[in-house]
Amino acid sequence: MNQIETEVLGIKAYRALRTMIINGELQPGQKLIQDDLANHLGISRTPLLAAFSKLEQENLVITIPRRGAYVRQYSNKELLDLCNIRMRLESLGAREAALSETKDLSNLESTLKKFDRAVKKKNESQLKQLDYDFHMEIMRISGNIFLFDMIFPHIIIALNMSGVIMNYPERSRDEHYEILESIKAGDADKADALMFIHASRPSEYLKSKEKSLER
């Protein structure tokens, strides 16, 4: 296998593992068994290790010397810190998406229809994936490549990994539609405010969880 083939397989493995983490097939704290994953993906260990390395850069995987690689498990404090970042920066993304003069909302609308069906079926893995798709599509529409490429992927994945989305799927769906309508109308202030409120929901849940553990 030449270097180019190895790099291509590494990218494919990275995308596959990332999807498995997003939809919950790989759980926080779960050890990544190299032989099992290599067989599942039909690749050798070399591209698999390259995928682990890229996921580690995104804070989705952690490697412990002499123990192996694990799906990262965030503490409640770490998740709250990510929430604080997300609330402020994702609202910026929604504002910029509303102001975009070349926005195409067809993918966003399609994702929300799928999200609605997943809510009715209570399909957790689909909800996690579609929630990620919805938020990342807004970042794409915003045209702000730094929000899309550097900030939001691992933040949204980390919060969805915690299971937050399943605590209020119907409310999340309704808020998604409100955000979509504000972006469609070009109302930047409303899109900003609605996204800030929506992005604060995980923080509310995590804080209540933290208080219940203290009792």
Protein backbone atom coordinates (compact mmCIF):
# COMPACT_ATOMS: atom_id res chain seq x y z
CA MET A 1 0.00 0.00 0.00
CA ASN A 2 1.53 3.33 -1.03
CA GLN A 3 1.46 6.55 0.96
CA ILE A 4 -1.41 8.12 -1.00
CA GLU A 5 -3.61 5.05 -0.52
CA THR A 6 -2.80 5.05 3.19
CA GLU A 7 -3.70 8.74 3.50
CA VAL A 8 -7.01 8.23 1.65
CA LEU A 9 -7.92 5.26 3.85
CA GLY A 10 -6.93 7.29 6.92
CA ILE A 11 -9.36 10.06 5.92
CA LYS A 12 -12.14 7.53 5.27
CA ALA A 13 -11.48 5.86 8.62
CA TYR A 14 -11.50 9.24 10.37
CA ARG A 15 -14.87 10.15 8.84
CA ALA A 16 -16.35 6.74 9.68
CA LEU A 17 -15.18 6.83 13.29
CA ARG A 18 -16.32 10.41 13.69
CA THR A 19 -19.80 9.42 12.50
CA MET A 20 -19.80 6.51 14.94
CA ILE A 21 -18.94 8.93 17.76
CA ILE A 22 -21.55 11.47 16.66
CA ASN A 23 -24.43 8.96 16.55
CA GLY A 24 -23.40 7.20 19.75
CA GLU A 25 -22.26 3.91 18.24
CA LEU A 26 -18.98 4.61 20.04
CA GLN A 27 -19.68 5.83 23.57
CA PRO A 28 -17.72 8.29 25.77
CA GLY A 29 -15.04 6.39 27.68
CA GLN A 30 -15.18 3.39 25.34
CA LYS A 31 -11.84 1.82 24.44
CA LEU A 32 -11.11 1.75 20.71
CA ILE A 33 -10.02 -1.82 19.97
CA GLN A 34 -7.73 -1.56 16.97
CA ASP A 35 -8.23 -5.07 15.58
CA ASP A 36 -12.02 -4.88 15.87
CA LEU A 37 -12.24 -1.45 14.24
CA ALA A 38 -9.73 -2.34 11.50
CA ASN A 39 -11.80 -5.40 10.62
CA HIS A 40 -15.06 -3.43 10.79
CA LEU A 41 -13.71 -0.73 8.46
CA GLY A 42 -11.77 -3.15 6.24
CA ILE A 43 -8.43 -1.39 6.69
CA SER A 44 -5.04 -2.00 8.27
CA ARG A 45 -3.79 -0.47 11.51
CA THR A 46 -1.72 2.25 9.81
CA PRO A 47 -4.64 4.34 8.44
CA LEU A 48 -6.62 3.54 11.58
CA LEU A 49 -3.91 5.07 13.77
CA ALA A 50 -3.85 8.11 11.47
CA ALA A 51 -7.59 8.47 12.05
CA PHE A 52 -7.09 8.20 15.82
CA SER A 53 -4.51 10.98 15.63
CA LYS A 54 -6.86 13.33 13.76
CA LEU A 55 -9.71 12.60 16.17
CA GLU A 56 -7.37 13.29 19.06
CA GLN A 57 -6.60 16.71 17.57
CA GLU A 58 -10.36 17.40 17.64
CA ASN A 59 -10.57 16.37 21.31
CA LEU A 60 -12.83 13.43 20.47
CA VAL A 61 -10.30 10.69 21.25
CA ILE A 62 -7.67 10.47 23.95
CA THR A 63 -4.64 8.15 23.88
CA ILE A 64 -3.29 6.87 27.18
CA PRO A 65 0.28 5.47 27.06
CA ARG A 66 0.40 1.66 27.38
CA ARG A 67 -3.40 1.52 27.61
CA GLY A 68 -4.61 2.57 24.18
CA ALA A 69 -7.09 4.99 22.63
CA TYR A 70 -10.49 5.87 24.10
CA VAL A 71 -13.44 8.00 23.06
CA ARG A 72 -12.98 11.12 25.15
CA GLN A 73 -15.25 11.45 28.14
CA TYR A 74 -15.78 15.07 29.12
CA SER A 75 -16.36 16.13 32.71
CA ASN A 76 -19.44 18.20 33.56
CA LYS A 77 -17.17 21.24 34.04
CA GLU A 78 -15.59 20.75 30.61
CA LEU A 79 -19.02 20.44 28.99
CA LEU A 80 -20.18 23.65 30.70
CA ASP A 81 -17.06 25.42 29.43
CA LEU A 82 -17.87 24.22 25.90
CA CYS A 83 -21.46 25.45 26.35
CA ASN A 84 -20.23 28.93 27.22
CA ILE A 85 -18.13 29.03 24.06
CA ARG A 86 -20.93 27.65 21.94
CA MET A 87 -23.59 30.07 23.22
CA ARG A 88 -21.56 33.10 22.21
CA LEU A 89 -20.03 31.91 18.99
CA GLU A 90 -22.87 29.91 17.48
CA SER A 91 -25.19 32.86 17.89
CA LEU A 92 -22.66 34.77 15.76
CA GLY A 93 -22.90 32.03 13.14
CA ALA A 94 -26.71 32.30 13.07
CA ARG A 95 -26.46 36.09 12.72
CA GLU A 96 -24.05 35.80 9.80
CA ALA A 97 -26.20 33.11 8.18
CA ALA A 98 -29.22 35.45 8.33
CA LEU A 99 -27.18 38.25 6.77
CA SER A 100 -25.84 36.06 3.96
CA GLU A 101 -27.08 37.23 0.57
CA THR A 102 -26.33 33.93 -1.13
CA LYS A 103 -27.81 31.51 1.41
CA ASP A 104 -29.31 28.25 0.20
CA LEU A 105 -31.56 26.82 2.89
CA SER A 106 -32.64 23.64 1.09
CA ASN A 107 -30.27 21.38 3.05
CA LEU A 108 -31.30 23.00 6.33
CA GLU A 109 -34.99 22.47 5.57
CA SER A 110 -34.37 18.87 4.51
CA THR A 111 -32.42 18.16 7.71
CA LEU A 112 -35.22 19.56 9.86
CA LYS A 113 -37.81 17.33 8.18
CA LYS A 114 -35.62 14.32 8.93
CA PHE A 115 -35.12 15.59 12.49
CA ASP A 116 -38.89 15.80 12.95
CA ARG A 117 -39.29 12.18 11.82
CA ALA A 118 -36.49 11.09 14.16
CA VAL A 119 -38.20 12.88 17.07
CA LYS A 120 -41.41 10.96 16.40
CA LYS A 121 -39.50 7.68 16.25
CA LYS A 122 -37.36 8.63 19.28
CA ASN A 123 -34.32 7.49 17.33
CA GLU A 124 -31.42 8.74 19.46
CA SER A 125 -28.60 8.02 17.01
CA GLN A 126 -30.41 9.81 14.18
CA LEU A 127 -31.25 12.76 16.42
CA LYS A 128 -27.60 13.20 17.39
CA GLN A 129 -26.46 13.04 13.77
CA LEU A 130 -29.19 15.35 12.47
CA ASP A 131 -28.70 17.86 15.29
CA TYR A 132 -25.01 18.00 14.36
CA ASP A 133 -25.93 18.36 10.65
CA PHE A 134 -28.37 21.20 11.40
CA HIS A 135 -25.92 23.27 13.42
CA MET A 136 -23.00 22.68 11.09
CA GLU A 137 -25.11 23.63 8.08
CA ILE A 138 -25.85 27.00 9.69
CA MET A 139 -22.12 27.49 10.23
CA ARG A 140 -21.56 26.65 6.56
CA ILE A 141 -24.26 29.11 5.45
CA SER A 142 -22.66 31.81 7.60
CA GLY A 143 -19.61 31.69 5.34
CA ASN A 144 -17.34 31.95 8.40
CA ILE A 145 -14.84 29.18 7.74
CA PHE A 146 -13.24 29.55 11.17
CA LEU A 147 -16.52 28.78 12.94
CA PHE A 148 -17.09 25.82 10.65
CA ASP A 149 -13.62 24.28 10.55
CA MET A 150 -12.01 25.17 13.86
CA ILE A 151 -14.61 25.67 16.55
CA PHE A 152 -17.92 23.96 16.25
CA PRO A 153 -17.47 20.36 15.08
CA HIS A 154 -16.04 18.95 18.29
CA ILE A 155 -18.09 21.25 20.55
CA ILE A 156 -21.42 20.08 19.13
CA ILE A 157 -20.30 16.46 19.04
CA ALA A 158 -19.08 16.59 22.66
CA LEU A 159 -22.39 18.00 23.91
CA ASN A 160 -24.44 15.51 21.90
CA MET A 161 -22.22 12.70 23.24
CA SER A 162 -23.40 13.65 26.73
CA GLY A 163 -26.97 12.71 25.76
CA VAL A 164 -28.32 16.23 26.25
CA ILE A 165 -30.33 16.17 23.02
CA MET A 166 -32.58 13.35 24.28
CA ASN A 167 -33.81 15.41 27.24
CA TYR A 168 -35.83 17.83 25.12
CA PRO A 169 -36.06 16.59 21.49
CA GLU A 170 -39.44 18.21 20.80
CA ARG A 171 -38.37 21.59 22.17
CA SER A 172 -35.13 21.35 20.24
CA ARG A 173 -37.07 20.67 17.03
CA ASP A 174 -39.38 23.63 17.61
CA GLU A 175 -36.44 25.94 18.34
CA HIS A 176 -34.68 24.70 15.21
CA TYR A 177 -37.71 25.73 13.12
CA GLU A 178 -37.80 29.17 14.75
CA ILE A 179 -34.11 29.67 14.00
CA LEU A 180 -34.63 28.56 10.41
CA GLU A 181 -37.48 31.05 9.94
CA SER A 182 -35.42 33.94 11.33
CA ILE A 183 -32.51 33.07 9.02
CA LYS A 184 -34.88 32.77 6.08
CA ALA A 185 -36.35 36.19 6.90
CA GLY A 186 -32.88 37.73 7.14
CA ASP A 187 -33.60 38.85 10.71
CA ALA A 188 -30.05 38.78 12.11
CA ASP A 189 -30.95 40.07 15.59
CA LYS A 190 -33.66 37.46 16.05
CA ALA A 191 -31.50 34.64 14.68
CA ASP A 192 -28.72 35.67 17.05
CA ALA A 193 -31.04 35.80 20.08
CA LEU A 194 -32.84 32.55 19.29
CA MET A 195 -29.61 30.65 18.74
CA PHE A 196 -28.16 31.99 21.99
CA ILE A 197 -31.19 30.71 23.90
CA HIS A 198 -31.15 27.39 22.05
CA ALA A 199 -27.43 26.88 22.65
CA SER A 200 -27.95 27.57 26.37
CA ARG A 201 -30.25 24.55 26.81
CA PRO A 202 -27.40 22.04 27.36
CA SER A 203 -25.94 24.38 29.97
CA GLU A 204 -29.25 24.44 31.85
CA TYR A 205 -29.42 20.65 31.79
CA LEU A 206 -25.81 20.19 32.88
CA LYS A 207 -26.17 22.65 35.76
CA SER A 208 -29.31 20.88 37.00
CA LYS A 209 -27.49 17.57 36.71
CA GLU A 210 -24.58 18.97 38.71
CA LYS A 211 -26.92 20.19 41.47
CA SER A 212 -28.67 16.83 41.69
CA LEU A 213 -25.32 15.08 42.17
CA GLU A 214 -24.45 17.49 44.99
CA ARG A 215 -27.54 16.53 47.01
